[in-house]
Amino acid sequence: MRRDIIDLFACPICKGDLVIDFISKEDGDEIIEGGLCCSRCKEHYPIENGVVILLPPDTR
């Protein structure tokens, strides 16, 4: 996932802004492994193999 597109995503639960929570693997501006966090409801969304998983927690 490219850093410059994070602001295009919103939390599927509350529609809050998503921010980078942590990065465990990256390649330049590409986040390979890590996580995003909702700034409003604090729900976490993993980034796996460069893809953010935006499924609600009860469906993951």
PDB file of N, CA and C in Angstrom:
ATOM      1  N   MET A   1       0.855  -1.168   0.000  1.00  0.00           N
ATOM      2  CA  MET A   1       0.000   0.000   0.000  1.00  0.00           C
ATOM      3  C   MET A   1       0.898   1.226   0.000  1.00  0.00           C
ATOM      4  N   ARG A   2       0.645   2.131  -0.908  1.00  0.00           N
ATOM      5  CA  ARG A   2       1.422   3.368  -0.971  1.00  0.00           C
ATOM      6  C   ARG A   2       0.950   4.345   0.099  1.00  0.00           C
ATOM      7  N   ARG A   3       1.905   4.986   0.735  1.00  0.00           N
ATOM      8  CA  ARG A   3       1.581   5.954   1.792  1.00  0.00           C
ATOM      9  C   ARG A   3       0.692   7.090   1.293  1.00  0.00           C
ATOM     10  N   ASP A   4       0.886   7.497   0.046  1.00  0.00           N
ATOM     11  CA  ASP A   4       0.178   8.679  -0.453  1.00  0.00           C
ATOM     12  C   ASP A   4      -1.305   8.446  -0.731  1.00  0.00           C
ATOM     13  N   ILE A   5      -1.797   7.214  -0.594  1.00  0.00           N
ATOM     14  CA  ILE A   5      -3.226   6.974  -0.824  1.00  0.00           C
ATOM     15  C   ILE A   5      -3.997   6.672   0.461  1.00  0.00           C
ATOM     16  N   ILE A   6      -3.319   6.676   1.597  1.00  0.00           N
ATOM     17  CA  ILE A   6      -3.985   6.353   2.865  1.00  0.00           C
ATOM     18  C   ILE A   6      -5.157   7.294   3.138  1.00  0.00           C
ATOM     19  N   ASP A   7      -5.020   8.556   2.773  1.00  0.00           N
ATOM     20  CA  ASP A   7      -6.107   9.509   3.052  1.00  0.00           C
ATOM     21  C   ASP A   7      -7.340   9.287   2.176  1.00  0.00           C
ATOM     22  N   LEU A   8      -7.275   8.358   1.227  1.00  0.00           N
ATOM     23  CA  LEU A   8      -8.446   8.010   0.411  1.00  0.00           C
ATOM     24  C   LEU A   8      -9.357   7.000   1.112  1.00  0.00           C
ATOM     25  N   PHE A   9      -8.848   6.360   2.165  1.00  0.00           N
ATOM     26  CA  PHE A   9      -9.593   5.324   2.872  1.00  0.00           C
ATOM     27  C   PHE A   9     -10.262   5.887   4.119  1.00  0.00           C
ATOM     28  N   ALA A  10     -11.369   5.249   4.514  1.00  0.00           N
ATOM     29  CA  ALA A  10     -12.069   5.620   5.748  1.00  0.00           C
ATOM     30  C   ALA A  10     -12.418   4.344   6.504  1.00  0.00           C
ATOM     31  N   CYS A  11     -12.580   4.469   7.792  1.00  0.00           N
ATOM     32  CA  CYS A  11     -12.977   3.340   8.629  1.00  0.00           C
ATOM     33  C   CYS A  11     -14.354   2.846   8.175  1.00  0.00           C
ATOM     34  N   PRO A  12     -14.500   1.539   7.918  1.00  0.00           N
ATOM     35  CA  PRO A  12     -15.799   1.024   7.491  1.00  0.00           C
ATOM     36  C   PRO A  12     -16.851   1.030   8.603  1.00  0.00           C
ATOM     37  N   ILE A  13     -16.425   1.210   9.831  1.00  0.00           N
ATOM     38  CA  ILE A  13     -17.357   1.202  10.960  1.00  0.00           C
ATOM     39  C   ILE A  13     -17.930   2.599  11.217  1.00  0.00           C
ATOM     40  N   CYS A  14     -17.048   3.591  11.377  1.00  0.00           N
ATOM     41  CA  CYS A  14     -17.517   4.932  11.761  1.00  0.00           C
ATOM     42  C   CYS A  14     -17.198   6.013  10.727  1.00  0.00           C
ATOM     43  N   LYS A  15     -16.521   5.637   9.661  1.00  0.00           N
ATOM     44  CA  LYS A  15     -16.127   6.563   8.580  1.00  0.00           C
ATOM     45  C   LYS A  15     -15.059   7.570   8.995  1.00  0.00           C
ATOM     46  N   GLY A  16     -14.359   7.288  10.110  1.00  0.00           N
ATOM     47  CA  GLY A  16     -13.274   8.160  10.554  1.00  0.00           C
ATOM     48  C   GLY A  16     -12.039   8.019   9.677  1.00  0.00           C
ATOM     49  N   ASP A  17     -11.104   8.951   9.825  1.00  0.00           N
ATOM     50  CA  ASP A  17      -9.848   8.916   9.079  1.00  0.00           C
ATOM     51  C   ASP A  17      -8.962   7.787   9.588  1.00  0.00           C
ATOM     52  N   LEU A  18      -8.244   7.145   8.665  1.00  0.00           N
ATOM     53  CA  LEU A  18      -7.285   6.114   9.028  1.00  0.00           C
ATOM     54  C   LEU A  18      -5.885   6.705   9.018  1.00  0.00           C
ATOM     55  N   VAL A  19      -5.093   6.320  10.016  1.00  0.00           N
ATOM     56  CA  VAL A  19      -3.710   6.774  10.131  1.00  0.00           C
ATOM     57  C   VAL A  19      -2.815   5.557  10.312  1.00  0.00           C
ATOM     58  N   ILE A  20      -1.534   5.717   9.983  1.00  0.00           N
ATOM     59  CA  ILE A  20      -0.582   4.617  10.154  1.00  0.00           C
ATOM     60  C   ILE A  20      -0.410   4.344  11.639  1.00  0.00           C
ATOM     61  N   ASP A  21      -0.617   3.098  12.036  1.00  0.00           N
ATOM     62  CA  ASP A  21      -0.425   2.665  13.421  1.00  0.00           C
ATOM     63  C   ASP A  21       0.997   2.147  13.605  1.00  0.00           C
ATOM     64  N   PHE A  22       1.435   1.267  12.696  1.00  0.00           N
ATOM     65  CA  PHE A  22       2.799   0.751  12.745  1.00  0.00           C
ATOM     66  C   PHE A  22       3.182   0.213  11.374  1.00  0.00           C
ATOM     67  N   ILE A  23       4.485   0.130  11.155  1.00  0.00           N
ATOM     68  CA  ILE A  23       5.031  -0.450   9.927  1.00  0.00           C
ATOM     69  C   ILE A  23       6.079  -1.468  10.339  1.00  0.00           C
ATOM     70  N   SER A  24       5.912  -2.719   9.902  1.00  0.00           N
ATOM     71  CA  SER A  24       6.918  -3.725  10.211  1.00  0.00           C
ATOM     72  C   SER A  24       7.769  -4.085   8.995  1.00  0.00           C
ATOM     73  N   LYS A  25       7.281  -3.740   7.787  1.00  0.00           N
ATOM     74  CA  LYS A  25       8.073  -3.973   6.574  1.00  0.00           C
ATOM     75  C   LYS A  25       7.643  -2.961   5.528  1.00  0.00           C
ATOM     76  N   GLU A  26       8.633  -2.304   4.911  1.00  0.00           N
ATOM     77  CA  GLU A  26       8.324  -1.330   3.872  1.00  0.00           C
ATOM     78  C   GLU A  26       9.384  -1.379   2.783  1.00  0.00           C
ATOM     79  N   ASP A  27       9.033  -0.831   1.629  1.00  0.00           N
ATOM     80  CA  ASP A  27       9.940  -0.749   0.489  1.00  0.00           C
ATOM     81  C   ASP A  27       9.732   0.621  -0.146  1.00  0.00           C
ATOM     82  N   GLY A  28      10.579   1.571   0.199  1.00  0.00           N
ATOM     83  CA  GLY A  28      10.399   2.947  -0.266  1.00  0.00           C
ATOM     84  C   GLY A  28       9.140   3.544   0.330  1.00  0.00           C
ATOM     85  N   ASP A  29       8.233   4.015  -0.523  1.00  0.00           N
ATOM     86  CA  ASP A  29       6.961   4.581  -0.055  1.00  0.00           C
ATOM     87  C   ASP A  29       5.867   3.534   0.071  1.00  0.00           C
ATOM     88  N   GLU A  30       6.198   2.277  -0.155  1.00  0.00           N
ATOM     89  CA  GLU A  30       5.222   1.187  -0.117  1.00  0.00           C
ATOM     90  C   GLU A  30       5.270   0.498   1.252  1.00  0.00           C
ATOM     91  N   ILE A  31       4.124   0.412   1.925  1.00  0.00           N
ATOM     92  CA  ILE A  31       4.026  -0.327   3.186  1.00  0.00           C
ATOM     93  C   ILE A  31       3.640  -1.757   2.831  1.00  0.00           C
ATOM     94  N   ILE A  32       4.500  -2.706   3.169  1.00  0.00           N
ATOM     95  CA  ILE A  32       4.272  -4.112   2.850  1.00  0.00           C
ATOM     96  C   ILE A  32       3.519  -4.802   3.990  1.00  0.00           C
ATOM     97  N   GLU A  33       3.964  -4.589   5.205  1.00  0.00           N
ATOM     98  CA  GLU A  33       3.330  -5.164   6.397  1.00  0.00           C
ATOM     99  C   GLU A  33       3.210  -4.072   7.447  1.00  0.00           C
ATOM    100  N   GLY A  34       2.069  -4.016   8.111  1.00  0.00           N
ATOM    101  CA  GLY A  34       1.867  -3.017   9.150  1.00  0.00           C
ATOM    102  C   GLY A  34       0.406  -2.923   9.535  1.00  0.00           C
ATOM    103  N   GLY A  35      -0.007  -1.744   9.927  1.00  0.00           N
ATOM    104  CA  GLY A  35      -1.395  -1.574  10.328  1.00  0.00           C
ATOM    105  C   GLY A  35      -1.823  -0.125  10.302  1.00  0.00           C
ATOM    106  N   LEU A  36      -3.117   0.062  10.098  1.00  0.00           N
ATOM    107  CA  LEU A  36      -3.737   1.376  10.172  1.00  0.00           C
ATOM    108  C   LEU A  36      -4.666   1.395  11.377  1.00  0.00           C
ATOM    109  N   CYS A  37      -4.944   2.583  11.880  1.00  0.00           N
ATOM    110  CA  CYS A  37      -5.837   2.746  13.026  1.00  0.00           C
ATOM    111  C   CYS A  37      -6.802   3.883  12.721  1.00  0.00           C
ATOM    112  N   CYS A  38      -8.049   3.713  13.117  1.00  0.00           N
ATOM    113  CA  CYS A  38      -9.046   4.767  12.941  1.00  0.00           C
ATOM    114  C   CYS A  38      -8.817   5.843  14.002  1.00  0.00           C
ATOM    115  N   SER A  39      -8.765   7.086  13.562  1.00  0.00           N
ATOM    116  CA  SER A  39      -8.533   8.185  14.500  1.00  0.00           C
ATOM    117  C   SER A  39      -9.755   8.469  15.371  1.00  0.00           C
ATOM    118  N   ARG A  40     -10.917   7.980  14.970  1.00  0.00           N
ATOM    119  CA  ARG A  40     -12.144   8.233  15.734  1.00  0.00           C
ATOM    120  C   ARG A  40     -12.475   7.078  16.690  1.00  0.00           C
ATOM    121  N   CYS A  41     -12.680   5.857  16.158  1.00  0.00           N
ATOM    122  CA  CYS A  41     -13.125   4.742  17.013  1.00  0.00           C
ATOM    123  C   CYS A  41     -11.977   3.849  17.488  1.00  0.00           C
ATOM    124  N   LYS A  42     -10.763   4.084  16.981  1.00  0.00           N
ATOM    125  CA  LYS A  42      -9.543   3.374  17.399  1.00  0.00           C
ATOM    126  C   LYS A  42      -9.487   1.915  16.946  1.00  0.00           C
ATOM    127  N   GLU A  43     -10.328   1.517  15.996  1.00  0.00           N
ATOM    128  CA  GLU A  43     -10.264   0.157  15.447  1.00  0.00           C
ATOM    129  C   GLU A  43      -8.998   0.032  14.598  1.00  0.00           C
ATOM    130  N   HIS A  44      -8.417  -1.169  14.598  1.00  0.00           N
ATOM    131  CA  HIS A  44      -7.177  -1.429  13.866  1.00  0.00           C
ATOM    132  C   HIS A  44      -7.451  -2.258  12.620  1.00  0.00           C
ATOM    133  N   TYR A  45      -6.695  -1.959  11.549  1.00  0.00           N
ATOM    134  CA  TYR A  45      -6.819  -2.668  10.277  1.00  0.00           C
ATOM    135  C   TYR A  45      -5.425  -3.057   9.803  1.00  0.00           C
ATOM    136  N   PRO A  46      -5.185  -4.356   9.592  1.00  0.00           N
ATOM    137  CA  PRO A  46      -3.851  -4.805   9.191  1.00  0.00           C
ATOM    138  C   PRO A  46      -3.547  -4.504   7.725  1.00  0.00           C
ATOM    139  N   ILE A  47      -2.265  -4.351   7.443  1.00  0.00           N
ATOM    140  CA  ILE A  47      -1.767  -4.285   6.067  1.00  0.00           C
ATOM    141  C   ILE A  47      -0.948  -5.553   5.869  1.00  0.00           C
ATOM    142  N   GLU A  48      -1.373  -6.391   4.931  1.00  0.00           N
ATOM    143  CA  GLU A  48      -0.715  -7.673   4.671  1.00  0.00           C
ATOM    144  C   GLU A  48      -0.343  -7.763   3.198  1.00  0.00           C
ATOM    145  N   ASN A  49       0.927  -8.035   2.928  1.00  0.00           N
ATOM    146  CA  ASN A  49       1.417  -8.131   1.545  1.00  0.00           C
ATOM    147  C   ASN A  49       1.050  -6.899   0.723  1.00  0.00           C
ATOM    148  N   GLY A  50       1.086  -5.729   1.340  1.00  0.00           N
ATOM    149  CA  GLY A  50       0.820  -4.481   0.641  1.00  0.00           C
ATOM    150  C   GLY A  50      -0.644  -4.129   0.486  1.00  0.00           C
ATOM    151  N   VAL A  51      -1.541  -4.918   1.093  1.00  0.00           N
ATOM    152  CA  VAL A  51      -2.984  -4.696   0.959  1.00  0.00           C
ATOM    153  C   VAL A  51      -3.591  -4.447   2.340  1.00  0.00           C
ATOM    154  N   VAL A  52      -4.317  -3.333   2.484  1.00  0.00           N
ATOM    155  CA  VAL A  52      -4.994  -3.066   3.753  1.00  0.00           C
ATOM    156  C   VAL A  52      -6.288  -3.881   3.794  1.00  0.00           C
ATOM    157  N   ILE A  53      -6.524  -4.533   4.927  1.00  0.00           N
ATOM    158  CA  ILE A  53      -7.715  -5.358   5.127  1.00  0.00           C
ATOM    159  C   ILE A  53      -8.745  -4.498   5.864  1.00  0.00           C
ATOM    160  N   LEU A  54      -9.751  -4.021   5.129  1.00  0.00           N
ATOM    161  CA  LEU A  54     -10.745  -3.107   5.700  1.00  0.00           C
ATOM    162  C   LEU A  54     -12.034  -3.804   6.101  1.00  0.00           C
ATOM    163  N   LEU A  55     -11.972  -5.096   6.320  1.00  0.00           N
ATOM    164  CA  LEU A  55     -13.151  -5.816   6.795  1.00  0.00           C
ATOM    165  C   LEU A  55     -13.418  -5.454   8.253  1.00  0.00           C
ATOM    166  N   PRO A  56     -14.675  -5.332   8.648  1.00  0.00           N
ATOM    167  CA  PRO A  56     -14.977  -5.116  10.062  1.00  0.00           C
ATOM    168  C   PRO A  56     -14.412  -6.273  10.898  1.00  0.00           C
ATOM    169  N   PRO A  57     -14.038  -6.007  12.137  1.00  0.00           N
ATOM    170  CA  PRO A  57     -13.372  -7.011  12.968  1.00  0.00           C
ATOM    171  C   PRO A  57     -14.128  -8.336  13.096  1.00  0.00           C
ATOM    172  N   ASP A  58     -15.451  -8.297  13.139  1.00  0.00           N
ATOM    173  CA  ASP A  58     -16.212  -9.537  13.328  1.00  0.00           C
ATOM    174  C   ASP A  58     -16.272 -10.399  12.065  1.00  0.00           C
ATOM    175  N   THR A  59     -15.777  -9.903  10.939  1.00  0.00           N
ATOM    176  CA  THR A  59     -15.781 -10.695   9.704  1.00  0.00           C
ATOM    177  C   THR A  59     -14.379 -11.103   9.256  1.00  0.00           C
ATOM    178  N   ARG A  60     -13.354 -10.754  10.014  1.00  0.00           N
ATOM    179  CA  ARG A  60     -11.976 -11.117   9.644  1.00  0.00           C
ATOM    180  C   ARG A  60     -11.665 -12.522  10.036  1.00  0.00           C
TER     181      ARG A  60
END
